[in-house]
Amino acid sequence: MADRRTSNQATLDGKSPVRAAVLAVLIEQPGHGWDVARRASRRMGSSWRVDPKHVYPYLERLVREGLVRAEKERSERPPYVRDVYYPTAKGEEARQEWLAAPLAIGVTRTDLEVRLLFSTGEDIPDVLRALNERREQILEEIEENAASHTVPVSYLATIINLQRSAVDKRLKAEREWIEEATRELDALRDEQSLR
């Protein structure tokens, strides 16, 4: 598959991957704000709690940027007219760029999880690249963490070591999950290539 990256920065970069999830939901199927929030929440799980009232600022920003357009459509229930949001070609391109872009620093794990949740079979190469990138970051973090271990001669040193131990365990569990996801996506990609 050809490399779809058109720039180093995706239009959807930001502190929260929820905006990209909102766009991905609209690309799957247009909808009004409450519907978009419901579908994103269902896909992302209860820990995200994408509230309908919080989805509107994301939708408004996506409209301003030309990634989606809003059309007034009649409804059988009050208020009888509602904005229904549709993705634009620019929005679909931004989603592809977001999937292919390097992971955002600071929100790597959640960004990676949202990319995985809103990817398609065609996106497997981009998702595998992101998983591999995160695996390499984790290995570096584990190395740095191990190198900074201190002899617990004080309460603070003990607390720091405990915190580093928690980080180390989280990183190792995440690495294990990444290896599992990579194996399953590799198998899916191989299965697709046989068709």
Protein backbone atom coordinates (compact mmCIF):
# COMPACT_ATOMS: atom_id res chain seq x y z
CA MET A 1 0.00 0.00 0.00
CA ALA A 2 1.31 3.46 -0.82
CA ASP A 3 2.39 5.82 1.95
CA ARG A 4 -0.52 8.22 2.44
CA ARG A 5 1.38 10.79 4.48
CA THR A 6 1.25 14.19 2.87
CA SER A 7 2.92 16.18 5.64
CA ASN A 8 4.69 15.73 8.95
CA GLN A 9 1.80 17.31 10.86
CA ALA A 10 -1.72 15.95 10.60
CA THR A 11 -4.57 18.45 10.59
CA LEU A 12 -6.04 16.57 13.57
CA ASP A 13 -3.04 16.93 15.89
CA GLY A 14 -4.00 18.17 19.32
CA LYS A 15 -4.18 17.39 22.99
CA SER A 16 -7.30 15.22 22.75
CA PRO A 17 -7.90 12.40 20.29
CA VAL A 18 -11.65 12.89 20.84
CA ARG A 19 -11.75 15.39 17.97
CA ALA A 20 -10.30 12.79 15.60
CA ALA A 21 -12.77 10.24 16.94
CA VAL A 22 -15.68 12.62 16.24
CA LEU A 23 -14.48 13.05 12.66
CA ALA A 24 -14.00 9.30 12.22
CA VAL A 25 -17.55 8.65 13.46
CA LEU A 26 -18.88 11.14 10.89
CA ILE A 27 -16.87 9.52 8.11
CA GLU A 28 -18.49 6.20 9.02
CA GLN A 29 -21.94 7.79 8.96
CA PRO A 30 -23.14 11.41 9.11
CA GLY A 31 -25.19 12.41 12.14
CA HIS A 32 -26.32 15.08 14.57
CA GLY A 33 -24.38 15.97 17.71
CA TRP A 34 -26.14 13.65 20.15
CA ASP A 35 -25.83 10.74 17.72
CA VAL A 36 -22.12 11.45 17.16
CA ALA A 37 -21.47 11.54 20.92
CA ARG A 38 -23.40 8.29 21.44
CA ARG A 39 -21.52 6.44 18.70
CA ALA A 40 -18.12 7.77 19.80
CA SER A 41 -18.83 6.84 23.45
CA ARG A 42 -19.94 3.36 22.51
CA ARG A 43 -16.76 2.82 20.49
CA MET A 44 -14.34 4.41 22.98
CA GLY A 45 -15.76 2.87 26.15
CA SER A 46 -17.08 4.21 29.41
CA SER A 47 -13.79 5.69 30.59
CA TRP A 48 -14.03 8.43 27.92
CA ARG A 49 -17.63 9.59 28.54
CA VAL A 50 -18.07 11.67 25.40
CA ASP A 51 -20.98 13.80 26.58
CA PRO A 52 -23.26 15.23 23.86
CA LYS A 53 -22.87 18.78 25.18
CA HIS A 54 -19.08 18.46 24.95
CA VAL A 55 -19.10 17.17 21.37
CA TYR A 56 -20.48 20.43 19.92
CA PRO A 57 -17.26 22.46 20.36
CA TYR A 58 -15.42 19.71 18.48
CA LEU A 59 -18.05 19.75 15.73
CA GLU A 60 -17.94 23.55 15.47
CA ARG A 61 -14.16 23.50 15.17
CA LEU A 62 -14.30 20.76 12.51
CA VAL A 63 -16.81 22.90 10.57
CA ARG A 64 -14.59 26.01 10.85
CA GLU A 65 -11.62 24.04 9.55
CA GLY A 66 -13.62 22.68 6.62
CA LEU A 67 -13.29 19.06 7.76
CA VAL A 68 -17.06 18.64 8.11
CA ARG A 69 -20.10 20.59 6.97
CA ALA A 70 -23.40 21.07 8.77
CA GLU A 71 -26.79 20.99 7.09
CA LYS A 72 -30.13 21.84 8.71
CA GLU A 73 -32.46 18.86 8.42
CA ARG A 74 -36.02 18.33 9.56
CA SER A 75 -36.70 16.07 12.52
CA GLU A 76 -39.90 14.48 13.81
CA ARG A 77 -39.04 15.53 17.37
CA PRO A 78 -38.40 18.96 18.88
CA PRO A 79 -36.67 21.17 17.93
CA TYR A 80 -37.91 19.77 14.54
CA VAL A 81 -34.78 21.05 12.79
CA ARG A 82 -31.27 19.97 13.70
CA ASP A 83 -27.77 20.27 12.35
CA VAL A 84 -26.58 17.07 10.70
CA TYR A 85 -22.84 16.87 10.13
CA TYR A 86 -21.20 15.39 7.03
CA PRO A 87 -17.49 14.79 6.39
CA THR A 88 -15.79 16.67 3.58
CA ALA A 89 -13.05 15.35 1.31
CA LYS A 90 -10.63 17.49 3.36
CA GLY A 91 -11.93 15.74 6.50
CA GLU A 92 -11.38 12.29 5.05
CA GLU A 93 -7.85 13.30 4.03
CA ALA A 94 -7.20 14.70 7.53
CA ARG A 95 -8.27 11.39 9.07
CA GLN A 96 -5.83 9.50 6.84
CA GLU A 97 -3.04 11.94 7.72
CA TRP A 98 -3.84 11.57 11.44
CA LEU A 99 -3.61 7.78 11.20
CA ALA A 100 -0.28 8.00 9.36
CA ALA A 101 1.27 10.77 11.52
CA PRO A 102 3.74 10.12 14.34
CA LEU A 103 2.04 9.68 17.70
CA ALA A 104 1.45 12.85 19.71
CA ILE A 105 3.86 13.21 22.63
CA GLY A 106 2.10 13.16 26.00
CA VAL A 107 -1.07 11.52 24.74
CA THR A 108 0.63 8.59 23.03
CA ARG A 109 -1.33 5.79 24.64
CA THR A 110 -4.76 7.30 24.25
CA ASP A 111 -3.95 8.57 20.76
CA LEU A 112 -2.80 5.08 19.77
CA GLU A 113 -5.92 3.47 21.24
CA VAL A 114 -8.24 5.89 19.44
CA ARG A 115 -6.39 5.36 16.15
CA LEU A 116 -6.87 1.63 16.58
CA LEU A 117 -10.56 2.00 17.45
CA PHE A 118 -11.33 4.13 14.40
CA SER A 119 -9.13 2.41 11.85
CA THR A 120 -10.26 0.15 9.02
CA GLY A 121 -8.68 -2.87 7.35
CA GLU A 122 -7.05 -0.53 4.84
CA ASP A 123 -5.32 1.30 7.69
CA ILE A 124 -3.46 -1.78 9.01
CA PRO A 125 -0.03 -0.61 7.72
CA ASP A 126 -0.43 2.77 9.45
CA VAL A 127 -1.63 1.17 12.69
CA LEU A 128 1.23 -1.36 12.64
CA ARG A 129 3.69 1.49 12.14
CA ALA A 130 2.19 3.36 15.12
CA LEU A 131 2.30 0.22 17.28
CA ASN A 132 5.94 -0.35 16.38
CA GLU A 133 6.75 3.29 17.10
CA ARG A 134 5.14 3.02 20.54
CA ARG A 135 6.91 -0.29 21.24
CA GLU A 136 10.27 1.42 20.58
CA GLN A 137 9.30 4.33 22.85
CA ILE A 138 8.36 1.90 25.62
CA LEU A 139 11.65 0.02 25.36
CA GLU A 140 13.53 3.33 25.69
CA GLU A 141 11.38 4.34 28.69
CA ILE A 142 11.98 0.96 30.38
CA GLU A 143 15.75 1.35 29.86
CA GLU A 144 15.75 4.90 31.23
CA ASN A 145 13.64 3.82 34.18
CA ALA A 146 15.99 0.95 35.04
CA ALA A 147 19.07 3.20 34.74
CA SER A 148 17.62 5.70 37.21
CA HIS A 149 16.98 3.21 40.04
CA THR A 150 18.37 4.52 43.32
CA VAL A 151 19.32 2.83 46.57
CA PRO A 152 16.40 3.46 48.95
CA VAL A 153 18.24 5.28 51.76
CA SER A 154 15.40 7.68 52.52
CA TYR A 155 11.64 7.89 52.38
CA LEU A 156 11.81 9.98 49.18
CA ALA A 157 14.14 7.48 47.48
CA THR A 158 11.74 4.68 48.42
CA ILE A 159 8.75 6.60 47.03
CA ILE A 160 10.63 7.39 43.82
CA ASN A 161 11.54 3.72 43.40
CA LEU A 162 7.92 2.71 44.01
CA GLN A 163 6.74 5.19 41.39
CA ARG A 164 9.35 3.91 38.92
CA SER A 165 8.25 0.35 39.67
CA ALA A 166 4.64 1.29 38.88
CA VAL A 167 5.73 2.94 35.64
CA ASP A 168 7.85 -0.07 34.73
CA LYS A 169 4.94 -2.47 35.29
CA ARG A 170 2.56 -0.28 33.27
CA LEU A 171 5.06 -0.04 30.42
CA LYS A 172 5.68 -3.80 30.38
CA ALA A 173 1.93 -4.49 30.33
CA GLU A 174 1.48 -1.98 27.51
CA ARG A 175 4.36 -3.57 25.57
CA GLU A 176 2.70 -6.97 25.98
CA TRP A 177 -0.61 -5.55 24.66
CA ILE A 178 1.19 -3.94 21.70
CA GLU A 179 2.84 -7.25 20.83
CA GLU A 180 -0.57 -8.98 20.95
CA ALA A 181 -2.20 -6.27 18.80
CA THR A 182 0.68 -6.44 16.32
CA ARG A 183 0.37 -10.24 15.98
CA GLU A 184 -3.38 -10.02 15.38
CA LEU A 185 -3.09 -7.17 12.86
CA ASP A 186 -0.25 -8.97 11.04
CA ALA A 187 -2.52 -12.02 10.74
CA LEU A 188 -5.37 -9.88 9.41
CA ARG A 189 -3.06 -8.21 6.90
CA ASP A 190 -1.76 -11.61 5.75
CA GLU A 191 -5.34 -12.88 5.43
CA GLN A 192 -6.28 -9.82 3.33
CA SER A 193 -3.29 -10.31 1.03
CA LEU A 194 -4.41 -13.88 0.28
CA ARG A 195 -7.80 -12.69 -0.96
